[in-house]
Amino acid sequence: MKLFLLLIFFITLHIEANEGEGKFNVYIDADFSEHYESSEAIYLGFKAALLDTKYENLISLIKKDHRGNSRRSKKHMNDFLKDKNSLFMISGIHSPPLIAHKDFINENQILFLVPWAAGGPITRINSNENWIFRLSLDDYKAGEFLINYYLKNKKSDALCLLLENTAWGRSNHKLMEKAAMEKGIKIKTTEWFQWGLKDNVATKLVKKLNKNKCETIILVANANEGQVLIKKIAKNKKMSVISHWGITGGTFTKNVTHLERETVNLKFIQTSFNFLSSELKEVHIDSINKLKRLSSNIKEISDLKAATGFIHAYDLGLLIKASLDQINLKESPKEIKLKLKNKLENLETPVQGLVRTYQKPFSNNLSDQNAHEALDENFFDIGYYDKDGNIRNINWKY
């Protein structure tokens, strides 16, 4: 009998010890195959933001590789919905999976954080539910920003667009054409390309641009296609390139030389904070130290590839932490998700991040198309690659 009572006592102790805050799963739905650098940077950024907090052990980050495929991304969303411990998802560099499944995400109340994908429609809703929060560029503003940069720096009126034929590229086309028209700029031609672009197709595209006497190209491409195109354009030696930031998410500088980048006077949009160009405050230095602890491959901050992903994911991690701090984590994951969304939309206490201090970065105002955008054009900049392949900003404003 004594042995039985002793056994009951230890079982009770074990149950009590495991009651309370449970563990949660966070899915990072990104391209860990073709765009590993950007996806890994996002993973490291979010993980670093939670380091040395109780959430370091409470939240498990699960990498889900969609390989740039929207159908695979949808499968990951369904996996998330079946996971009783799931809390929220984080996206990667690609906009098309989010644009394709935006309605599904909102209908199923999947809390989604966006630290990179810039497609304009992503955070704009077709219903009374908005579960997607972005801390990144927003193409509804980025397109006009790039057109303005061209306008202030143009040497001729020979502007052309070179765009990937995806939801992201088509969204940019519409927005850039609108911005150009409003400013009295005529776009001479728009050329399109598919993912997996080959040399021979790139050669034909550049010939078309040359035939149309294009002198400045605004490029919307990711690193894989961007490097093929830039190398071909550099051989032409007559065109300059202003690019969206998709080229910065992979191994672009391993394949495009400094001379080739200089030949096309390559510039691209960035957000305003840059580890190598901005004044470093305590919050920035702290994030670098955490990054070094997480990755043995990072000795200096210049070792971090696709730093944009780290910076934005880190800031999102800080916003999540600030929100979770106000929630009773002993409740069910479903209740916590609902309250987490509400807290993100109603954060009152300022959060000092890497890009900015966030004072109520999101809202629940469904009539405001920017309600779930943490950054606007005041936090955009123009970047370039230095001779060592590091990204630096020029602190450009219009």
Protein backbone atom coordinates (compact mmCIF):
# COMPACT_ATOMS: atom_id res chain seq x y z
CA MET A 1 0.00 0.00 0.00
CA LYS A 2 2.83 2.39 0.92
CA LEU A 3 4.53 1.64 -2.39
CA PHE A 4 1.27 2.35 -4.24
CA LEU A 5 0.79 5.70 -2.43
CA LEU A 6 4.40 6.64 -3.12
CA LEU A 7 3.88 5.88 -6.80
CA ILE A 8 0.73 8.06 -6.90
CA PHE A 9 2.67 10.85 -5.18
CA PHE A 10 5.44 10.86 -7.82
CA ILE A 11 2.95 10.67 -10.68
CA THR A 12 1.12 13.69 -9.24
CA LEU A 13 4.38 15.60 -8.93
CA HIS A 14 5.23 14.78 -12.56
CA ILE A 15 1.83 15.97 -13.78
CA GLU A 16 2.05 19.22 -11.80
CA ALA A 17 5.55 19.86 -13.08
CA ASN A 18 4.36 19.58 -16.66
CA GLU A 19 1.21 21.64 -16.26
CA GLY A 20 1.21 25.30 -17.32
CA GLU A 21 2.90 26.80 -20.33
CA GLY A 22 3.07 24.34 -23.19
CA LYS A 23 5.41 24.30 -26.15
CA PHE A 24 4.42 25.79 -29.47
CA ASN A 25 5.39 25.13 -33.06
CA VAL A 26 6.17 27.90 -35.53
CA TYR A 27 6.47 26.93 -39.20
CA ILE A 28 8.92 28.78 -41.46
CA ASP A 29 7.43 28.21 -44.91
CA ALA A 30 10.21 29.29 -47.26
CA ASP A 31 12.49 28.21 -50.09
CA PHE A 32 15.36 26.42 -48.37
CA SER A 33 16.48 24.91 -51.69
CA GLU A 34 16.99 27.58 -54.34
CA HIS A 35 17.02 30.56 -51.95
CA TYR A 36 18.62 29.02 -48.89
CA GLU A 37 20.49 32.18 -47.85
CA SER A 38 17.37 34.31 -47.43
CA SER A 39 15.41 31.52 -45.71
CA GLU A 40 18.24 30.73 -43.28
CA ALA A 41 18.67 34.43 -42.50
CA ILE A 42 14.96 34.62 -41.59
CA TYR A 43 15.30 31.53 -39.38
CA LEU A 44 18.35 32.97 -37.61
CA GLY A 45 16.74 36.40 -37.19
CA PHE A 46 13.63 35.10 -35.49
CA LYS A 47 15.58 32.64 -33.36
CA ALA A 48 18.01 35.37 -32.28
CA ALA A 49 15.15 37.64 -31.19
CA LEU A 50 13.92 34.95 -28.77
CA LEU A 51 17.36 34.04 -27.44
CA ASP A 52 17.74 34.49 -23.66
CA THR A 53 13.97 34.73 -23.19
CA LYS A 54 11.56 32.09 -21.96
CA TYR A 55 10.28 31.76 -25.55
CA GLU A 56 13.62 30.30 -26.60
CA ASN A 57 12.46 27.01 -25.10
CA LEU A 58 8.71 27.45 -25.50
CA ILE A 59 8.77 27.96 -29.28
CA SER A 60 10.13 25.40 -31.72
CA LEU A 61 10.98 26.76 -35.18
CA ILE A 62 10.21 24.18 -37.85
CA LYS A 63 11.71 24.67 -41.32
CA LYS A 64 9.29 23.80 -44.13
CA ASP A 65 10.89 23.93 -47.59
CA HIS A 66 8.32 24.85 -50.26
CA ARG A 67 11.07 25.12 -52.93
CA GLY A 68 9.31 28.08 -54.51
CA ASN A 69 6.23 25.95 -55.20
CA SER A 70 2.84 27.40 -54.17
CA ARG A 71 1.19 23.97 -54.00
CA ARG A 72 3.84 22.72 -51.62
CA SER A 73 3.31 25.85 -49.55
CA LYS A 74 -0.41 25.06 -49.35
CA LYS A 75 0.45 21.58 -48.06
CA HIS A 76 2.52 23.18 -45.29
CA MET A 77 -0.44 25.36 -44.37
CA ASN A 78 -2.61 22.26 -44.06
CA ASP A 79 0.08 20.61 -41.93
CA PHE A 80 0.01 23.69 -39.72
CA LEU A 81 -3.78 23.46 -39.32
CA LYS A 82 -3.52 19.80 -38.26
CA ASP A 83 -0.83 20.55 -35.68
CA LYS A 84 -2.52 21.10 -32.31
CA ASN A 85 0.56 22.94 -31.02
CA SER A 86 0.98 25.28 -33.98
CA LEU A 87 1.06 29.00 -33.21
CA PHE A 88 1.91 30.94 -36.38
CA MET A 89 3.75 30.71 -39.69
CA ILE A 90 6.60 32.79 -41.15
CA SER A 91 7.07 33.24 -44.89
CA GLY A 92 10.21 33.59 -47.00
CA ILE A 93 11.40 35.60 -49.98
CA HIS A 94 8.65 34.54 -52.41
CA SER A 95 5.38 36.46 -52.80
CA PRO A 96 3.46 34.05 -55.12
CA PRO A 97 2.58 31.43 -52.43
CA LEU A 98 1.11 34.13 -50.19
CA ILE A 99 -0.78 35.84 -53.00
CA ALA A 100 -2.13 32.52 -54.28
CA HIS A 101 -3.35 31.35 -50.87
CA LYS A 102 -4.20 34.65 -49.19
CA ASP A 103 -7.92 33.84 -48.95
CA PHE A 104 -7.20 30.36 -47.60
CA ILE A 105 -4.91 31.84 -44.93
CA ASN A 106 -7.51 34.34 -43.76
CA GLU A 107 -10.48 31.94 -43.95
CA ASN A 108 -8.58 29.43 -41.79
CA GLN A 109 -7.17 32.05 -39.43
CA ILE A 110 -3.54 31.13 -39.99
CA LEU A 111 -1.47 33.82 -38.31
CA PHE A 112 1.25 34.60 -40.89
CA LEU A 113 4.30 36.85 -40.43
CA VAL A 114 6.01 38.22 -43.54
CA PRO A 115 9.65 39.38 -43.14
CA TRP A 116 10.57 39.55 -46.85
CA ALA A 117 7.93 38.89 -49.56
CA ALA A 118 6.94 42.31 -50.95
CA GLY A 119 3.97 41.58 -53.23
CA GLY A 120 1.44 44.39 -52.78
CA PRO A 121 -1.76 42.30 -52.48
CA ILE A 122 -0.43 40.08 -49.66
CA THR A 123 -1.78 42.11 -46.74
CA ARG A 124 -4.83 43.51 -48.54
CA ILE A 125 -7.99 41.56 -47.74
CA ASN A 126 -11.10 40.42 -49.59
CA SER A 127 -13.02 39.63 -46.40
CA ASN A 128 -13.48 40.70 -42.78
CA GLU A 129 -10.44 38.69 -41.67
CA ASN A 130 -6.81 39.71 -41.99
CA TRP A 131 -4.29 37.31 -40.47
CA ILE A 132 -1.20 38.34 -42.45
CA PHE A 133 1.25 40.82 -40.90
CA ARG A 134 4.18 42.23 -42.86
CA LEU A 135 7.38 43.90 -41.71
CA SER A 136 9.16 44.38 -45.02
CA LEU A 137 8.91 46.29 -48.27
CA ASP A 138 5.44 46.76 -49.69
CA ASP A 139 5.26 46.92 -53.49
CA TYR A 140 2.33 49.29 -53.30
CA LYS A 141 4.98 51.77 -52.18
CA ALA A 142 8.21 50.19 -53.48
CA GLY A 143 7.23 50.50 -57.15
CA GLU A 144 6.74 54.25 -56.84
CA PHE A 145 9.96 54.53 -54.80
CA LEU A 146 11.95 52.90 -57.64
CA ILE A 147 10.29 55.10 -60.26
CA ASN A 148 11.17 58.17 -58.19
CA TYR A 149 14.77 57.04 -57.89
CA TYR A 150 14.93 56.66 -61.67
CA LEU A 151 13.35 60.08 -62.17
CA LYS A 152 15.85 61.84 -59.87
CA ASN A 153 18.86 60.09 -61.42
CA LYS A 154 17.90 59.59 -65.06
CA LYS A 155 20.24 60.56 -67.88
CA SER A 156 17.64 59.91 -70.58
CA ASP A 157 13.98 59.02 -71.03
CA ALA A 158 14.75 55.47 -72.19
CA LEU A 159 13.20 53.48 -69.32
CA CYS A 160 12.23 49.81 -69.77
CA LEU A 161 10.90 47.12 -67.41
CA LEU A 162 12.23 43.57 -67.16
CA LEU A 163 9.95 41.47 -64.96
CA GLU A 164 9.52 37.88 -63.84
CA ASN A 165 6.21 36.45 -65.03
CA THR A 166 4.72 35.67 -61.62
CA ALA A 167 2.12 37.27 -59.36
CA TRP A 168 4.96 39.32 -57.88
CA GLY A 169 6.16 40.55 -61.26
CA ARG A 170 2.65 41.32 -62.51
CA SER A 171 1.82 43.23 -59.33
CA ASN A 172 4.94 45.35 -59.81
CA HIS A 173 4.11 45.93 -63.46
CA LYS A 174 0.74 47.42 -62.62
CA LEU A 175 2.11 49.61 -59.82
CA MET A 176 5.19 50.84 -61.70
CA GLU A 177 3.18 51.68 -64.81
CA LYS A 178 0.74 53.67 -62.69
CA ALA A 179 3.55 55.55 -60.92
CA ALA A 180 5.34 56.26 -64.21
CA MET A 181 2.15 57.55 -65.85
CA GLU A 182 1.44 59.86 -62.91
CA LYS A 183 4.91 61.35 -63.24
CA GLY A 184 4.77 61.70 -67.02
CA ILE A 185 7.33 58.95 -67.69
CA LYS A 186 6.85 56.76 -70.75
CA ILE A 187 8.02 53.16 -70.43
CA LYS A 188 9.48 52.14 -73.79
CA THR A 189 8.89 48.41 -73.42
CA THR A 190 8.21 45.70 -70.83
CA GLU A 191 9.81 42.27 -71.23
CA TRP A 192 8.88 39.15 -69.26
CA PHE A 193 10.76 36.00 -68.24
CA GLN A 194 9.99 32.75 -66.42
CA TRP A 195 11.67 31.15 -63.41
CA GLY A 196 14.54 28.89 -64.46
CA LEU A 197 15.65 31.37 -67.14
CA LYS A 198 18.40 30.01 -69.42
CA ASP A 199 21.28 31.87 -71.12
CA ASN A 200 19.82 31.68 -74.62
CA VAL A 201 16.49 33.21 -73.52
CA ALA A 202 18.31 35.92 -71.55
CA THR A 203 20.34 36.76 -74.67
CA LYS A 204 17.13 37.21 -76.69
CA LEU A 205 15.62 39.42 -74.00
CA VAL A 206 18.65 41.71 -73.89
CA LYS A 207 18.57 41.96 -77.70
CA LYS A 208 14.95 43.14 -77.47
CA LEU A 209 15.89 45.72 -74.84
CA ASN A 210 18.75 46.91 -77.03
CA LYS A 211 16.47 47.11 -80.09
CA ASN A 212 14.13 49.35 -78.10
CA LYS A 213 17.12 51.54 -77.18
CA CYS A 214 16.60 51.00 -73.45
CA GLU A 215 19.15 52.79 -71.30
CA THR A 216 17.76 52.16 -67.81
CA ILE A 217 16.18 48.85 -66.82
CA ILE A 218 14.01 48.39 -63.75
CA LEU A 219 14.41 44.71 -62.94
CA VAL A 220 12.08 42.56 -60.84
CA ALA A 221 13.83 39.22 -60.32
CA ASN A 222 15.16 36.86 -57.71
CA ALA A 223 18.84 35.96 -57.47
CA ASN A 224 18.82 32.95 -59.81
CA GLU A 225 17.28 34.71 -62.79
CA GLY A 226 18.73 38.09 -61.87
CA GLN A 227 22.32 36.92 -62.11
CA VAL A 228 21.76 35.47 -65.60
CA LEU A 229 20.18 38.71 -66.81
CA ILE A 230 22.70 41.09 -65.22
CA LYS A 231 25.63 39.22 -66.78
CA LYS A 232 24.00 39.51 -70.23
CA ILE A 233 23.14 43.19 -69.75
CA ALA A 234 26.70 43.92 -68.61
CA LYS A 235 28.04 42.56 -71.90
CA ASN A 236 25.88 45.11 -73.71
CA LYS A 237 27.59 47.96 -71.77
CA LYS A 238 24.85 50.43 -72.68
CA MET A 239 22.28 49.91 -69.94
CA SER A 240 22.07 50.63 -66.23
CA VAL A 241 19.94 48.57 -63.86
CA ILE A 242 17.75 49.54 -60.94
CA SER A 243 16.51 46.35 -59.31
CA HIS A 244 14.01 45.12 -56.80
CA TRP A 245 15.69 43.40 -53.88
CA GLY A 246 14.96 39.81 -54.92
CA ILE A 247 18.48 39.55 -56.34
CA THR A 248 19.92 39.92 -52.82
CA GLY A 249 18.36 36.72 -51.47
CA GLY A 250 20.78 34.14 -52.87
CA THR A 251 24.26 33.65 -54.29
CA PHE A 252 24.14 36.61 -56.68
CA THR A 253 27.61 38.01 -55.89
CA LYS A 254 29.27 34.62 -56.31
CA ASN A 255 28.19 34.61 -59.94
CA VAL A 256 28.13 38.31 -60.89
CA THR A 257 31.50 40.04 -60.60
CA HIS A 258 32.13 43.49 -59.18
CA LEU A 259 33.06 44.68 -62.67
CA GLU A 260 29.77 43.42 -64.09
CA ARG A 261 27.84 45.11 -61.28
CA GLU A 262 29.70 48.36 -61.88
CA THR A 263 29.20 48.14 -65.65
CA VAL A 264 25.41 48.27 -65.20
CA ASN A 265 25.67 50.72 -62.26
CA LEU A 266 23.56 48.27 -60.26
CA LYS A 267 21.37 49.74 -57.53
CA PHE A 268 18.46 48.10 -55.71
CA ILE A 269 15.83 48.90 -53.14
CA GLN A 270 16.39 48.10 -49.46
CA THR A 271 14.90 49.01 -46.13
CA SER A 272 16.68 51.76 -44.24
CA PHE A 273 18.73 49.87 -41.65
CA ASN A 274 21.97 48.29 -42.80
CA PHE A 275 24.55 46.75 -40.44
CA LEU A 276 27.42 48.09 -42.58
CA SER A 277 26.05 51.56 -43.37
CA SER A 278 23.94 52.61 -40.39
CA GLU A 279 24.89 53.86 -36.97
CA LEU A 280 24.95 50.86 -34.63
CA LYS A 281 23.13 51.21 -31.32
CA GLU A 282 23.00 48.80 -28.40
CA VAL A 283 20.04 46.88 -29.91
CA HIS A 284 22.01 46.32 -33.13
CA ILE A 285 25.16 45.16 -31.37
CA ASP A 286 23.11 42.85 -29.17
CA SER A 287 21.52 41.23 -32.24
CA ILE A 288 24.96 40.68 -33.82
CA ASN A 289 26.25 39.00 -30.66
CA LYS A 290 23.20 36.71 -30.57
CA LEU A 291 23.69 35.84 -34.24
CA LYS A 292 27.31 34.85 -33.61
CA ARG A 293 26.19 32.60 -30.77
CA LEU A 294 23.65 30.87 -33.03
CA SER A 295 25.85 30.35 -36.07
CA SER A 296 29.47 29.24 -36.01
CA ASN A 297 29.71 30.42 -39.63
CA ILE A 298 29.27 34.06 -38.60
CA LYS A 299 32.54 35.57 -37.39
CA GLU A 300 31.83 39.10 -38.63
CA ILE A 301 28.49 40.64 -39.60
CA SER A 302 29.68 40.74 -43.22
CA ASP A 303 29.51 36.91 -43.14
CA LEU A 304 25.72 37.14 -42.91
CA LYS A 305 24.19 36.64 -46.33
CA ALA A 306 20.76 38.08 -47.14
CA ALA A 307 20.89 40.27 -44.03
CA THR A 308 17.49 41.74 -44.89
CA GLY A 309 15.84 38.48 -43.83
CA PHE A 310 17.65 38.49 -40.49
CA ILE A 311 16.86 42.15 -39.76
CA HIS A 312 13.13 41.93 -40.49
CA ALA A 313 12.64 38.54 -38.83
CA TYR A 314 14.49 39.80 -35.75
CA ASP A 315 12.14 42.79 -35.47
CA LEU A 316 9.10 40.56 -35.96
CA GLY A 317 10.44 38.31 -33.23
CA LEU A 318 10.64 41.29 -30.87
CA LEU A 319 7.03 42.25 -31.69
CA ILE A 320 5.89 38.67 -31.08
CA LYS A 321 7.72 38.60 -27.76
CA ALA A 322 6.12 41.90 -26.69
CA SER A 323 2.69 40.52 -27.62
CA LEU A 324 3.14 37.14 -25.93
CA ASP A 325 4.30 38.89 -22.76
CA GLN A 326 0.73 40.16 -22.39
CA ILE A 327 -0.94 36.76 -22.87
CA ASN A 328 -1.66 33.93 -20.45
CA LEU A 329 0.29 31.08 -22.06
CA LYS A 330 -1.52 28.44 -20.02
CA GLU A 331 -4.52 28.75 -22.33
CA SER A 332 -5.07 26.58 -25.39
CA PRO A 333 -3.02 27.29 -28.55
CA LYS A 334 -6.26 28.31 -30.31
CA GLU A 335 -7.02 30.93 -27.67
CA ILE A 336 -3.43 32.12 -27.68
CA LYS A 337 -3.49 32.57 -31.48
CA LEU A 338 -6.59 34.74 -31.27
CA LYS A 339 -5.12 36.84 -28.49
CA LEU A 340 -1.74 37.08 -30.24
CA LYS A 341 -3.38 38.54 -33.35
CA ASN A 342 -5.29 41.00 -31.17
CA LYS A 343 -2.14 42.05 -29.30
CA LEU A 344 -0.19 42.57 -32.54
CA GLU A 345 -2.95 44.91 -33.71
CA ASN A 346 -3.04 46.78 -30.43
CA LEU A 347 0.54 47.05 -29.20
CA GLU A 348 0.77 50.18 -27.10
CA THR A 349 4.21 49.86 -25.55
CA PRO A 350 7.03 50.96 -27.89
CA VAL A 351 9.33 48.18 -29.12
CA GLN A 352 12.88 49.15 -30.08
CA GLY A 353 13.82 47.15 -33.16
CA LEU A 354 16.68 47.17 -35.65
CA VAL A 355 14.88 49.18 -38.34
CA ARG A 356 12.88 51.50 -36.09
CA THR A 357 11.06 51.91 -32.81
CA TYR A 358 7.63 50.36 -33.32
CA GLN A 359 4.77 52.28 -31.74
CA LYS A 360 1.53 50.47 -32.65
CA PRO A 361 2.97 49.10 -35.91
CA PHE A 362 -0.28 47.31 -36.88
CA SER A 363 -3.96 48.03 -36.43
CA ASN A 364 -7.32 46.26 -36.81
CA ASN A 365 -8.79 49.01 -39.01
CA LEU A 366 -10.14 46.96 -41.94
CA SER A 367 -10.70 50.09 -44.04
CA ASP A 368 -6.99 50.96 -43.88
CA GLN A 369 -5.07 49.09 -46.60
CA ASN A 370 -1.85 49.65 -44.63
CA ALA A 371 -3.23 48.29 -41.35
CA HIS A 372 -0.91 45.26 -41.40
CA GLU A 373 2.20 47.02 -42.77
CA ALA A 374 4.85 47.85 -40.17
CA LEU A 375 7.06 49.87 -42.57
CA ASP A 376 6.36 52.58 -45.12
CA GLU A 377 8.47 54.52 -47.65
CA ASN A 378 10.07 56.54 -44.84
CA PHE A 379 12.02 53.36 -44.08
CA PHE A 380 13.03 52.54 -47.67
CA ASP A 381 16.47 53.18 -49.14
CA ILE A 382 18.66 52.37 -52.14
CA GLY A 383 21.49 49.85 -51.78
CA TYR A 384 24.46 48.60 -53.77
CA TYR A 385 27.12 45.87 -53.59
CA ASP A 386 30.61 47.01 -52.66
CA LYS A 387 33.71 45.40 -54.19
CA ASP A 388 33.61 42.63 -51.57
CA GLY A 389 30.00 41.77 -52.34
CA ASN A 390 28.59 43.36 -49.19
CA ILE A 391 25.36 45.38 -49.35
CA ARG A 392 25.59 49.01 -48.34
CA ASN A 393 22.92 51.72 -48.35
CA ILE A 394 23.28 55.21 -49.79
CA ASN A 395 20.72 56.90 -47.49
CA TRP A 396 18.62 58.12 -50.40
CA LYS A 397 15.32 59.89 -49.84
CA TYR A 398 12.98 61.69 -52.18
